[in-house]
Protein backbone atom coordinates (compact mmCIF):
# COMPACT_ATOMS: atom_id res chain seq x y z
CA UNK A 1 -63.61 -4.28 -91.62
CA UNK A 2 -61.51 -1.10 -91.68
CA UNK A 3 -57.80 -1.75 -91.17
CA UNK A 4 -56.11 0.30 -88.43
CA UNK A 5 -52.72 0.47 -86.69
CA UNK A 6 -54.07 -2.12 -84.27
CA UNK A 7 -54.39 -4.61 -87.11
CA UNK A 8 -50.79 -3.87 -88.08
CA UNK A 9 -49.81 -4.49 -84.44
CA UNK A 10 -51.74 -7.77 -84.56
CA UNK A 11 -49.82 -8.85 -87.69
CA UNK A 12 -46.48 -8.02 -86.06
CA UNK A 13 -47.50 -10.00 -82.97
CA UNK A 14 -48.44 -13.03 -85.08
CA UNK A 15 -45.19 -12.88 -87.07
CA UNK A 16 -43.10 -12.69 -83.90
CA UNK A 17 -45.01 -15.41 -82.06
CA UNK A 18 -44.86 -17.64 -85.13
CA UNK A 19 -41.08 -17.30 -85.11
CA UNK A 20 -40.80 -17.92 -81.37
CA UNK A 21 -41.83 -21.56 -81.87
CA UNK A 22 -38.57 -22.12 -83.75
CA UNK A 23 -36.56 -20.14 -81.20
CA UNK A 24 -37.97 -22.15 -78.29
CA UNK A 25 -37.28 -25.41 -80.14
CA UNK A 26 -33.63 -24.43 -80.61
CA UNK A 27 -33.21 -23.13 -77.06
CA UNK A 28 -34.63 -26.07 -75.13
CA UNK A 29 -32.38 -28.50 -76.97
CA UNK A 30 -29.58 -27.17 -74.74
CA UNK A 31 -31.35 -25.57 -71.77
CA UNK A 32 -34.05 -26.96 -69.42
CA UNK A 33 -37.34 -25.46 -70.68
CA UNK A 34 -38.76 -23.95 -67.49
CA UNK A 35 -35.37 -22.48 -66.58
CA UNK A 36 -35.11 -21.11 -70.13
CA UNK A 37 -38.54 -19.49 -69.84
CA UNK A 38 -37.93 -18.11 -66.34
CA UNK A 39 -34.65 -16.38 -67.20
CA UNK A 40 -36.11 -15.00 -70.39
CA UNK A 41 -39.16 -13.50 -68.67
CA UNK A 42 -37.09 -12.07 -65.83
CA UNK A 43 -34.75 -10.36 -68.28
CA UNK A 44 -37.59 -9.00 -70.41
CA UNK A 45 -39.52 -7.66 -67.43
CA UNK A 46 -36.43 -6.07 -65.89
CA UNK A 47 -35.43 -4.38 -69.16
CA UNK A 48 -38.94 -3.06 -69.78
CA UNK A 49 -39.33 -1.66 -66.27
CA UNK A 50 -35.90 0.00 -66.52
CA UNK A 51 -36.91 1.64 -69.79
CA UNK A 52 -40.14 2.92 -68.23
CA UNK A 53 -38.26 4.22 -65.17
CA UNK A 54 -35.67 5.94 -67.40
CA UNK A 55 -38.46 7.65 -69.33
CA UNK A 56 -40.19 8.67 -66.13
CA UNK A 57 -43.41 6.79 -66.78
CA UNK A 58 -43.04 3.65 -64.67
CA UNK A 59 -45.43 4.80 -61.96
CA UNK A 60 -46.66 2.62 -59.13
CA UNK A 61 -49.41 0.05 -58.79
CA UNK A 62 -52.13 1.02 -56.33
CA UNK A 63 -52.39 -1.32 -53.35
CA UNK A 64 -55.97 -2.21 -54.18
CA UNK A 65 -54.84 -3.57 -57.57
CA UNK A 66 -51.97 -5.71 -56.28
CA UNK A 67 -54.04 -8.89 -55.61
CA UNK A 68 -55.46 -8.89 -59.14
CA UNK A 69 -52.03 -8.18 -60.60
CA UNK A 70 -50.53 -11.09 -58.63
CA UNK A 71 -53.26 -13.45 -59.85
CA UNK A 72 -52.76 -12.32 -63.47
CA UNK A 73 -48.99 -12.81 -63.15
CA UNK A 74 -49.31 -16.33 -61.75
CA UNK A 75 -51.96 -17.34 -64.29
CA UNK A 76 -50.48 -15.86 -67.49
CA UNK A 77 -46.79 -16.52 -66.87
CA UNK A 78 -45.90 -18.85 -64.01
CA UNK A 79 -48.67 -21.47 -64.08
CA UNK A 80 -49.14 -21.34 -67.84
CA UNK A 81 -45.54 -22.05 -68.81
CA UNK A 82 -44.79 -24.50 -66.01
CA UNK A 83 -47.81 -26.65 -66.96
CA UNK A 84 -47.28 -26.25 -70.70
CA UNK A 85 -43.64 -27.30 -70.73
CA UNK A 86 -44.19 -30.11 -68.25
CA UNK A 87 -47.14 -31.52 -70.18
CA UNK A 88 -45.41 -31.22 -73.56
CA UNK A 89 -42.86 -33.85 -72.44
CA UNK A 90 -45.51 -36.58 -72.55
CA UNK A 91 -47.58 -35.82 -75.67
CA UNK A 92 -46.74 -35.26 -79.32
CA UNK A 93 -46.16 -31.69 -80.48
CA UNK A 94 -49.19 -31.97 -82.77
CA UNK A 95 -51.49 -32.96 -79.90
CA UNK A 96 -49.95 -30.26 -77.70
CA UNK A 97 -50.70 -27.66 -80.39
CA UNK A 98 -54.31 -28.80 -80.70
CA UNK A 99 -54.93 -28.91 -76.95
CA UNK A 100 -53.30 -25.54 -76.39
CA UNK A 101 -54.23 -23.43 -79.41
CA UNK A 102 -57.69 -24.88 -80.03
CA UNK A 103 -58.87 -24.56 -76.44
CA UNK A 104 -57.49 -21.10 -75.76
CA UNK A 105 -59.70 -19.05 -78.17
CA UNK A 106 -62.77 -20.98 -77.00
CA UNK A 107 -61.89 -20.32 -73.35
CA UNK A 108 -61.15 -16.64 -74.04
CA UNK A 109 -64.54 -16.14 -75.66
CA UNK A 110 -66.44 -18.06 -72.96
CA UNK A 111 -64.68 -16.49 -69.97
CA UNK A 112 -64.88 -12.95 -71.37
CA UNK A 113 -68.62 -13.37 -71.94
CA UNK A 114 -69.22 -14.95 -68.52
CA UNK A 115 -67.33 -12.18 -66.71
CA UNK A 116 -69.11 -9.44 -68.66
CA UNK A 117 -65.98 -8.14 -70.39
CA UNK A 118 -67.33 -8.83 -73.88
CA UNK A 119 -70.63 -9.61 -75.54
CA UNK A 120 -71.12 -13.00 -77.15
CA UNK A 121 -71.02 -12.66 -80.93
CA UNK A 122 -72.27 -15.41 -83.28
CA UNK A 123 -69.82 -14.22 -85.94
CA UNK A 124 -66.89 -14.40 -83.55
CA UNK A 125 -68.03 -17.81 -82.30
CA UNK A 126 -68.16 -18.98 -85.93
CA UNK A 127 -64.66 -17.63 -86.45
CA UNK A 128 -63.38 -19.52 -83.42
CA UNK A 129 -65.10 -22.71 -84.62
CA UNK A 130 -63.51 -22.39 -88.06
CA UNK A 131 -60.11 -21.67 -86.54
CA UNK A 132 -60.34 -24.76 -84.34
CA UNK A 133 -61.36 -26.86 -87.36
CA UNK A 134 -58.34 -25.53 -89.25
CA UNK A 135 -56.05 -26.40 -86.34
CA UNK A 136 -57.33 -29.98 -86.42
CA UNK A 137 -56.68 -30.17 -90.16
CA UNK A 138 -53.16 -28.79 -89.72
CA UNK A 139 -52.04 -30.69 -86.61
CA UNK A 140 -54.52 -33.58 -86.45
CA UNK A 141 -52.53 -36.08 -88.54
CA UNK A 142 -49.43 -35.47 -86.44
CA UNK A 143 -51.44 -35.85 -83.25
CA UNK A 144 -52.95 -39.14 -84.42
CA UNK A 145 -49.63 -40.57 -85.62
CA UNK A 146 -47.90 -39.73 -82.36
CA UNK A 147 -44.27 -38.75 -82.04
CA UNK A 148 -41.30 -40.99 -81.33
CA UNK A 149 -39.53 -40.35 -78.05
CA UNK A 150 -42.58 -39.22 -76.12
CA UNK A 151 -42.47 -41.62 -73.16
CA UNK A 152 -45.98 -40.81 -72.01
CA UNK A 153 -47.77 -41.44 -75.30
CA UNK A 154 -50.81 -43.64 -74.66
CA UNK A 155 -50.07 -43.95 -70.93
CA UNK A 156 -51.34 -42.38 -67.73
CA UNK A 157 -48.55 -39.81 -67.99
CA UNK A 158 -49.78 -38.98 -71.46
CA UNK A 159 -53.23 -38.19 -70.08
CA UNK A 160 -51.72 -36.15 -67.25
CA UNK A 161 -49.54 -34.28 -69.71
CA UNK A 162 -52.51 -33.50 -71.93
CA UNK A 163 -54.49 -32.37 -68.90
CA UNK A 164 -51.66 -30.05 -67.88
CA UNK A 165 -51.68 -28.43 -71.34
CA UNK A 166 -55.46 -27.99 -71.20
CA UNK A 167 -55.15 -26.40 -67.76
CA UNK A 168 -52.39 -24.08 -68.98
CA UNK A 169 -54.62 -22.85 -71.81
CA UNK A 170 -57.45 -22.22 -69.36
CA UNK A 171 -55.16 -20.34 -66.95
CA UNK A 172 -53.76 -18.18 -69.75
CA UNK A 173 -57.27 -17.35 -70.96
CA UNK A 174 -58.54 -16.53 -67.48
CA UNK A 175 -55.50 -14.35 -66.80
CA UNK A 176 -55.99 -12.49 -70.08
CA UNK A 177 -59.58 -11.61 -69.22
CA UNK A 178 -58.74 -10.65 -65.63
CA UNK A 179 -55.97 -8.38 -66.92
CA UNK A 180 -58.31 -6.12 -68.86
CA UNK A 181 -59.53 -4.04 -65.88
CA UNK A 182 -55.88 -3.38 -64.99
CA UNK A 183 -55.18 -2.33 -68.56
CA UNK A 184 -57.90 0.33 -68.29
CA UNK A 185 -55.90 1.95 -65.49
CA UNK A 186 -52.22 1.29 -66.23
CA UNK A 187 -50.17 1.34 -69.46
CA UNK A 188 -49.84 -2.09 -71.08
CA UNK A 189 -46.05 -1.78 -70.88
CA UNK A 190 -46.18 -1.42 -67.09
CA UNK A 191 -48.47 -4.43 -66.69
CA UNK A 192 -46.26 -6.37 -69.10
CA UNK A 193 -43.08 -5.49 -67.22
CA UNK A 194 -44.46 -6.39 -63.80
CA UNK A 195 -46.09 -9.66 -64.89
CA UNK A 196 -43.09 -10.92 -66.87
CA UNK A 197 -40.59 -10.03 -64.13
CA UNK A 198 -42.72 -11.49 -61.33
CA UNK A 199 -43.76 -14.54 -63.32
CA UNK A 200 -40.17 -15.14 -64.39
CA UNK A 201 -38.95 -15.06 -60.79
CA UNK A 202 -41.51 -17.73 -59.82
CA UNK A 203 -40.61 -19.90 -62.83
CA UNK A 204 -36.88 -19.62 -62.17
CA UNK A 205 -37.28 -20.46 -58.47
CA UNK A 206 -39.39 -23.49 -59.34
CA UNK A 207 -36.92 -24.62 -62.00
CA UNK A 208 -33.92 -24.37 -59.67
CA UNK A 209 -35.77 -26.33 -57.01
CA UNK A 210 -37.36 -29.03 -59.16
CA UNK A 211 -36.16 -29.10 -62.78
CA UNK A 212 -33.30 -31.48 -63.66
CA UNK A 213 -30.33 -29.62 -65.11
CA UNK A 214 -31.51 -26.15 -64.07
CA UNK A 215 -28.74 -25.54 -61.53
CA UNK A 216 -26.09 -26.61 -64.03
CA UNK A 217 -27.59 -24.24 -66.61
CA UNK A 218 -26.66 -21.29 -64.36
CA UNK A 219 -23.15 -21.62 -65.81
CA UNK A 220 -24.45 -20.10 -69.04
CA UNK A 221 -22.69 -22.70 -71.18
CA UNK A 222 -25.63 -23.10 -73.53
CA UNK A 223 -24.00 -22.65 -76.91
CA UNK A 224 -24.33 -19.78 -79.36
CA UNK A 225 -27.59 -20.94 -80.96
CA UNK A 226 -29.38 -21.18 -77.60
CA UNK A 227 -28.17 -17.72 -76.56
CA UNK A 228 -29.30 -16.18 -79.86
CA UNK A 229 -32.71 -17.83 -79.44
CA UNK A 230 -32.92 -16.57 -75.86
CA UNK A 231 -32.10 -13.03 -76.94
CA UNK A 232 -34.74 -13.14 -79.67
CA UNK A 233 -37.34 -14.39 -77.20
CA UNK A 234 -36.46 -11.66 -74.68
CA UNK A 235 -36.47 -8.76 -77.12
CA UNK A 236 -39.13 -9.82 -79.61
CA UNK A 237 -41.21 -12.53 -77.95
CA UNK A 238 -41.62 -10.77 -74.60
CA UNK A 239 -40.73 -7.08 -74.91
CA UNK A 240 -42.57 -6.58 -78.20
CA UNK A 241 -45.14 -9.32 -78.63
CA UNK A 242 -46.44 -9.92 -75.10
CA UNK A 243 -46.89 -6.21 -74.48
CA UNK A 244 -48.58 -5.84 -77.86
CA UNK A 245 -50.96 -8.64 -76.86
CA UNK A 246 -51.84 -6.76 -73.67
CA UNK A 247 -52.41 -3.59 -75.69
CA UNK A 248 -54.78 -5.50 -77.97
CA UNK A 249 -56.55 -7.04 -74.97
CA UNK A 250 -57.07 -3.49 -73.70
CA UNK A 251 -58.32 -2.17 -77.03
CA UNK A 252 -60.20 -5.17 -78.44
CA UNK A 253 -60.86 -7.58 -75.59
CA UNK A 254 -59.21 -10.91 -74.90
CA UNK A 255 -61.20 -13.10 -77.31
CA UNK A 256 -60.50 -10.88 -80.31
CA UNK A 257 -56.81 -10.48 -79.46
CA UNK A 258 -56.59 -14.26 -78.97
CA UNK A 259 -57.26 -14.81 -82.69
CA UNK A 260 -53.47 -14.90 -83.03
CA UNK A 261 -53.79 -18.61 -82.16
CA UNK A 262 -55.10 -19.15 -85.70
CA UNK A 263 -52.34 -17.15 -87.43
CA UNK A 264 -49.05 -17.69 -85.60
CA UNK A 265 -49.04 -21.49 -86.23
CA UNK A 266 -49.20 -20.76 -89.96
CA UNK A 267 -46.14 -18.54 -89.64
CA UNK A 268 -44.40 -21.33 -87.70
CA UNK A 269 -45.20 -23.90 -90.41
CA UNK A 270 -43.99 -21.64 -93.21
CA UNK A 271 -40.76 -20.87 -91.34
CA UNK A 272 -40.27 -24.62 -90.88
CA UNK A 273 -40.53 -25.03 -94.65
CA UNK A 274 -38.01 -22.27 -95.30
CA UNK A 275 -35.52 -23.12 -92.54
CA UNK A 276 -35.72 -26.90 -92.27
CA UNK A 277 -37.17 -27.97 -95.62
CA UNK A 278 -40.31 -29.37 -94.00
CA UNK A 279 -43.09 -30.39 -96.37
CA UNK A 280 -46.63 -29.03 -96.52
CA UNK A 281 -49.47 -31.26 -97.70
CA UNK A 282 -52.74 -30.34 -99.34
CA UNK A 283 -54.52 -30.95 -96.03
CA UNK A 284 -52.08 -28.57 -94.35
CA UNK A 285 -52.85 -25.87 -96.92
CA UNK A 286 -56.60 -26.36 -96.47
CA UNK A 287 -56.22 -26.15 -92.70
CA UNK A 288 -54.22 -22.93 -92.93
CA UNK A 289 -56.79 -21.33 -95.24
CA UNK A 290 -59.62 -22.29 -92.90
CA UNK A 291 -57.66 -20.85 -89.97
CA UNK A 292 -57.17 -17.54 -91.78
CA UNK A 293 -60.90 -17.29 -92.51
CA UNK A 294 -61.59 -18.04 -88.85
CA UNK A 295 -59.12 -15.35 -87.77
CA UNK A 296 -60.76 -12.84 -90.11
CA UNK A 297 -64.19 -13.53 -88.60
CA UNK A 298 -62.82 -13.43 -85.05
CA UNK A 299 -61.16 -10.06 -85.70
CA UNK A 300 -64.34 -8.36 -86.90
CA UNK A 301 -65.46 -5.75 -84.36
CA UNK A 302 -68.67 -6.29 -82.43
CA UNK A 303 -70.59 -4.17 -79.98
CA UNK A 304 -68.72 -4.11 -76.71
CA UNK A 305 -70.12 -5.35 -73.45
CA UNK A 306 -71.00 -3.18 -70.51
CA UNK A 307 -67.51 -3.54 -69.11
CA UNK A 308 -66.08 -1.57 -72.01
CA UNK A 309 -68.09 1.50 -71.05
CA UNK A 310 -67.31 1.43 -67.33
CA UNK A 311 -65.73 4.54 -65.92
CA UNK A 312 -62.03 3.97 -65.50
CA UNK A 313 -60.75 4.43 -61.96
CA UNK A 314 -57.70 6.56 -61.46
CA UNK A 315 -54.97 5.05 -59.30
CA UNK A 316 -54.71 8.44 -57.65
CA UNK A 317 -51.68 9.27 -55.53
CA UNK A 318 -50.67 5.62 -55.34
CA UNK A 319 -50.61 5.14 -59.11
CA UNK A 320 -48.92 6.67 -62.07
CA UNK A 321 -51.76 9.03 -62.82
CA UNK A 322 -55.26 8.98 -64.22
CA UNK A 323 -55.96 6.78 -67.23
CA UNK A 324 -59.42 7.88 -68.19
CA UNK A 325 -61.13 6.22 -71.11
CA UNK A 326 -59.60 3.63 -73.38
CA UNK A 327 -57.10 5.70 -75.31
CA UNK A 328 -53.55 4.58 -74.48
CA UNK A 329 -51.43 7.48 -75.73
CA UNK A 330 -48.10 5.76 -75.81
CA UNK A 331 -46.20 4.26 -78.71
CA UNK A 332 -45.88 0.51 -78.92
CA UNK A 333 -42.14 0.44 -78.33
CA UNK A 334 -40.80 0.79 -75.83
CA UNK A 335 -43.38 2.64 -73.77
CA UNK A 336 -46.27 0.40 -74.57
CA UNK A 337 -44.76 -2.27 -76.53
CA UNK A 338 -46.57 -10.31 -76.69
CA UNK A 339 -45.96 -13.98 -76.03
CA UNK A 340 -47.33 -16.77 -77.76
CA UNK A 341 -47.96 -19.50 -75.54
CA UNK A 342 -44.78 -21.16 -76.71
CA UNK A 343 -43.27 -17.75 -77.27
């Protein structure tokens, strides 16, 4: 496998999304989680669109593409994070990680193949299987032991919470695959800006209407640590990483880009060791090594499906200009600069 700038972008994305787990953990100790996510996505989308407008490359979305863009926005941002944060209240963090991160690469591969965006690859399927096995080794003991303070553990709410996390992973995967045709036409930064801004607005509206403590959080009295975490998530988690993920979906396909699910948890665990003195067992080390092997297999290029060779439609007068072929031509930041599911 020849290393390219896309692999470097993938590494940066994994490093950032691994760190966002810690940032989210710090932030939601003081701020309601859905409100925290909504304000962060709104800010990131607004900043990115302003940068694109200032550089004269924002463009417009053709009317024919608006329904797909709306569906992608609701799936990848609004529904995903609302379900994920709601469900995580009732299950242990270990079980949440397994349900979310183990299902997502499987769903990405299956949905991309079913919709004709990618060809099924035995090697990539083996990589996903190894990655899932590694996730069970890393988070399985925590999932089995449970977590104090989770009121829904072992109850009907626990099952509902787990189901919500499963559904969020499916929605994120479906949205990722549905986004690829848009990414053949528009710059990833534009799609990122519109989806994060629109998705953030929906999340914030829902939080203010339904989430306890959201209205009070409008005062901004969160504390310095929460504000620093929020700023990191806006600038790095959303502006950099989410847009990088969309660039990789455009270049590689959703299932290959989704291999970050096997790398970013390792970064999160290692940061936990460095920052909080958390311990790592031999089983944890074995799980992380298996996950890295799975990621390596999942990242290996395979022959693209028919969708990759389709002629790219130009948005014409309603869009920002023709985007023929699959060559993006813009730098990663800020013009075409992801978001782990917790990031």
